[in-house]
Amino acid sequence: MPTAQNDLQTARRLKDRVSKLAPLIDFRLFGSRARGDADEFSDMDIFMKSETVDRELKQKVKNAAWEMTLETNKGTGYF
């Protein structure tokens, strides 16, 4: 399977996990992985928007992103 397809599947899996934690208003993959020109060192840039965000939700999202990084070997930055 081409890398771009793998990246889209990974993003969808992360979206599914995060949407179980909180209702999402928006979720987008952007950057080199969205454009399809990522290399082996590229991270996965994700934008997520939810109606409410608190410290507990931030930690849960961070944990979900970290778990996906471990499963897929694609770094997901969290800000």
Protein backbone atom coordinates (compact mmCIF):
# COMPACT_ATOMS: atom_id res chain seq x y z
CA MET A 1 0.00 0.00 0.00
CA PRO A 2 1.43 3.43 -0.91
CA THR A 3 2.64 5.62 1.94
CA ALA A 4 -0.07 8.26 1.42
CA GLN A 5 -2.78 5.61 1.84
CA ASN A 6 -1.10 4.29 4.99
CA ASP A 7 -0.96 7.83 6.37
CA LEU A 8 -4.65 8.39 5.68
CA GLN A 9 -5.51 5.13 7.41
CA THR A 10 -3.38 6.09 10.41
CA ALA A 11 -5.07 9.50 10.60
CA ARG A 12 -8.50 7.87 10.42
CA ARG A 13 -7.58 5.46 13.21
CA LEU A 14 -6.41 8.35 15.38
CA LYS A 15 -9.59 10.28 14.60
CA ASP A 16 -11.67 7.27 15.62
CA ARG A 17 -9.80 6.99 18.93
CA VAL A 18 -10.03 10.69 19.72
CA SER A 19 -13.71 10.92 18.75
CA LYS A 20 -14.42 8.33 21.47
CA LEU A 21 -12.87 10.74 23.99
CA ALA A 22 -14.73 13.89 22.89
CA PRO A 23 -16.98 15.04 20.05
CA LEU A 24 -14.83 16.50 17.28
CA ILE A 25 -15.82 19.57 15.30
CA ASP A 26 -12.89 19.26 12.91
CA PHE A 27 -10.00 16.86 12.30
CA ARG A 28 -7.43 17.37 9.54
CA LEU A 29 -4.19 15.85 8.37
CA PHE A 30 -1.82 18.48 6.97
CA GLY A 31 1.83 18.92 6.07
CA SER A 32 4.07 16.57 4.14
CA ARG A 33 2.04 13.44 4.89
CA ALA A 34 -1.16 15.08 3.59
CA ARG A 35 0.67 16.29 0.48
CA GLY A 36 2.20 12.86 -0.09
CA ASP A 37 5.82 14.02 -0.03
CA ALA A 38 6.77 12.74 3.44
CA ASP A 39 10.01 10.92 4.02
CA GLU A 40 10.94 8.38 6.70
CA PHE A 41 11.68 11.18 9.20
CA SER A 42 8.45 13.14 8.69
CA ASP A 43 6.04 13.47 11.55
CA MET A 44 2.27 13.43 11.16
CA ASP A 45 0.65 16.85 11.52
CA ILE A 46 -2.93 16.73 12.76
CA PHE A 47 -5.36 19.55 13.56
CA MET A 48 -8.20 18.70 15.94
CA LYS A 49 -11.00 20.92 17.20
CA SER A 50 -13.48 20.09 19.94
CA GLU A 51 -16.13 22.23 21.63
CA THR A 52 -14.50 21.93 25.03
CA VAL A 53 -10.95 21.12 26.02
CA ASP A 54 -9.62 20.64 29.51
CA ARG A 55 -6.39 19.33 30.97
CA GLU A 56 -7.73 15.78 31.27
CA LEU A 57 -8.84 15.66 27.63
CA LYS A 58 -5.50 17.06 26.46
CA GLN A 59 -3.69 14.28 28.29
CA LYS A 60 -6.00 11.61 26.85
CA VAL A 61 -5.47 12.94 23.31
CA LYS A 62 -1.73 13.08 23.88
CA ASN A 63 -1.79 9.47 25.08
CA ALA A 64 -3.83 8.38 22.04
CA ALA A 65 -1.36 10.11 19.70
CA TRP A 66 1.57 8.48 21.50
CA GLU A 67 -0.04 5.05 21.23
CA MET A 68 -0.50 5.58 17.48
CA THR A 69 3.17 6.61 17.21
CA LEU A 70 4.22 3.37 18.89
CA GLU A 71 1.91 1.27 16.71
CA THR A 72 2.79 2.89 13.40
CA ASN A 73 6.28 4.30 13.94
CA LYS A 74 5.01 7.69 12.68
CA GLY A 75 5.64 10.54 15.09
CA THR A 76 2.58 12.63 15.88
CA GLY A 77 3.42 16.02 17.32
CA TYR A 78 1.14 17.36 20.00
CA PHE A 79 0.66 21.04 20.85
